[in-house]
N, C-alpha and C. Protein backbone atom coordinates (compact mmCIF):
# COMPACT_ATOMS: atom_id res chain seq x y z
N MET A 1 -255.97 110.96 65.46
CA MET A 1 -256.21 109.53 65.64
C MET A 1 -255.04 108.88 66.42
N LEU A 2 -253.84 109.08 65.93
CA LEU A 2 -252.66 108.52 66.58
C LEU A 2 -252.51 109.06 67.99
N TYR A 3 -252.82 110.36 68.14
CA TYR A 3 -252.76 111.00 69.46
C TYR A 3 -253.72 110.34 70.44
N PHE A 4 -254.92 110.06 69.96
CA PHE A 4 -255.95 109.42 70.78
C PHE A 4 -255.52 108.02 71.21
N VAL A 5 -254.94 107.27 70.29
CA VAL A 5 -254.47 105.91 70.58
C VAL A 5 -253.35 105.94 71.62
N SER A 6 -252.40 106.85 71.46
CA SER A 6 -251.29 106.96 72.41
C SER A 6 -251.80 107.38 73.79
N LEU A 7 -252.79 108.26 73.81
CA LEU A 7 -253.38 108.70 75.07
C LEU A 7 -254.06 107.53 75.77
N LYS A 8 -254.76 106.71 74.99
CA LYS A 8 -255.43 105.54 75.54
C LYS A 8 -254.41 104.55 76.12
N LEU A 9 -253.33 104.34 75.39
CA LEU A 9 -252.27 103.45 75.85
C LEU A 9 -251.63 103.98 77.12
N PHE A 10 -251.44 105.29 77.17
CA PHE A 10 -250.82 105.92 78.33
C PHE A 10 -251.70 105.77 79.57
N THR A 11 -253.00 105.98 79.44
CA THR A 11 -253.91 105.84 80.58
C THR A 11 -253.97 104.38 81.03
N HIS A 12 -253.92 103.46 80.08
CA HIS A 12 -253.92 102.03 80.41
C HIS A 12 -252.65 101.68 81.18
N PHE A 13 -251.53 102.22 80.74
CA PHE A 13 -250.25 101.98 81.39
C PHE A 13 -250.27 102.52 82.82
N CYS A 14 -250.87 103.70 83.00
CA CYS A 14 -250.97 104.30 84.34
C CYS A 14 -251.82 103.42 85.25
N HIS A 15 -252.92 102.90 84.73
CA HIS A 15 -253.78 102.02 85.52
C HIS A 15 -253.04 100.76 85.94
N VAL A 16 -252.26 100.21 85.03
CA VAL A 16 -251.47 99.01 85.34
C VAL A 16 -250.46 99.32 86.43
N LEU A 17 -249.81 100.48 86.33
CA LEU A 17 -248.83 100.87 87.35
C LEU A 17 -249.47 101.02 88.72
N ILE A 18 -250.66 101.62 88.75
CA ILE A 18 -251.39 101.79 90.01
C ILE A 18 -251.76 100.44 90.61
N LEU A 19 -252.20 99.52 89.76
CA LEU A 19 -252.55 98.17 90.23
C LEU A 19 -251.34 97.46 90.81
N ILE A 20 -250.21 97.57 90.13
CA ILE A 20 -248.97 96.94 90.61
C ILE A 20 -248.56 97.55 91.95
N LYS A 21 -248.69 98.86 92.05
CA LYS A 21 -248.34 99.55 93.29
C LYS A 21 -249.20 99.07 94.46
N TRP A 22 -250.49 98.95 94.23
CA TRP A 22 -251.39 98.45 95.27
C TRP A 22 -251.08 97.01 95.63
N PHE A 23 -250.76 96.22 94.61
CA PHE A 23 -250.43 94.81 94.82
C PHE A 23 -249.19 94.68 95.71
N ILE A 24 -248.19 95.50 95.45
CA ILE A 24 -246.95 95.49 96.25
C ILE A 24 -247.25 95.96 97.68
N LEU A 25 -248.08 96.98 97.81
CA LEU A 25 -248.44 97.49 99.15
C LEU A 25 -249.20 96.47 99.97
N LEU A 26 -250.05 95.69 99.32
CA LEU A 26 -250.86 94.70 100.03
C LEU A 26 -250.05 93.52 100.54
N ILE A 27 -248.96 93.22 99.85
CA ILE A 27 -248.13 92.07 100.25
C ILE A 27 -247.33 92.42 101.51
């Protein structure tokens, strides 16, 4: 259970990082 939650948080964090990266590239 805890492993699944941490995995979900990790994937969410990766998505946020990718969005920030694209945002910086677009500017």
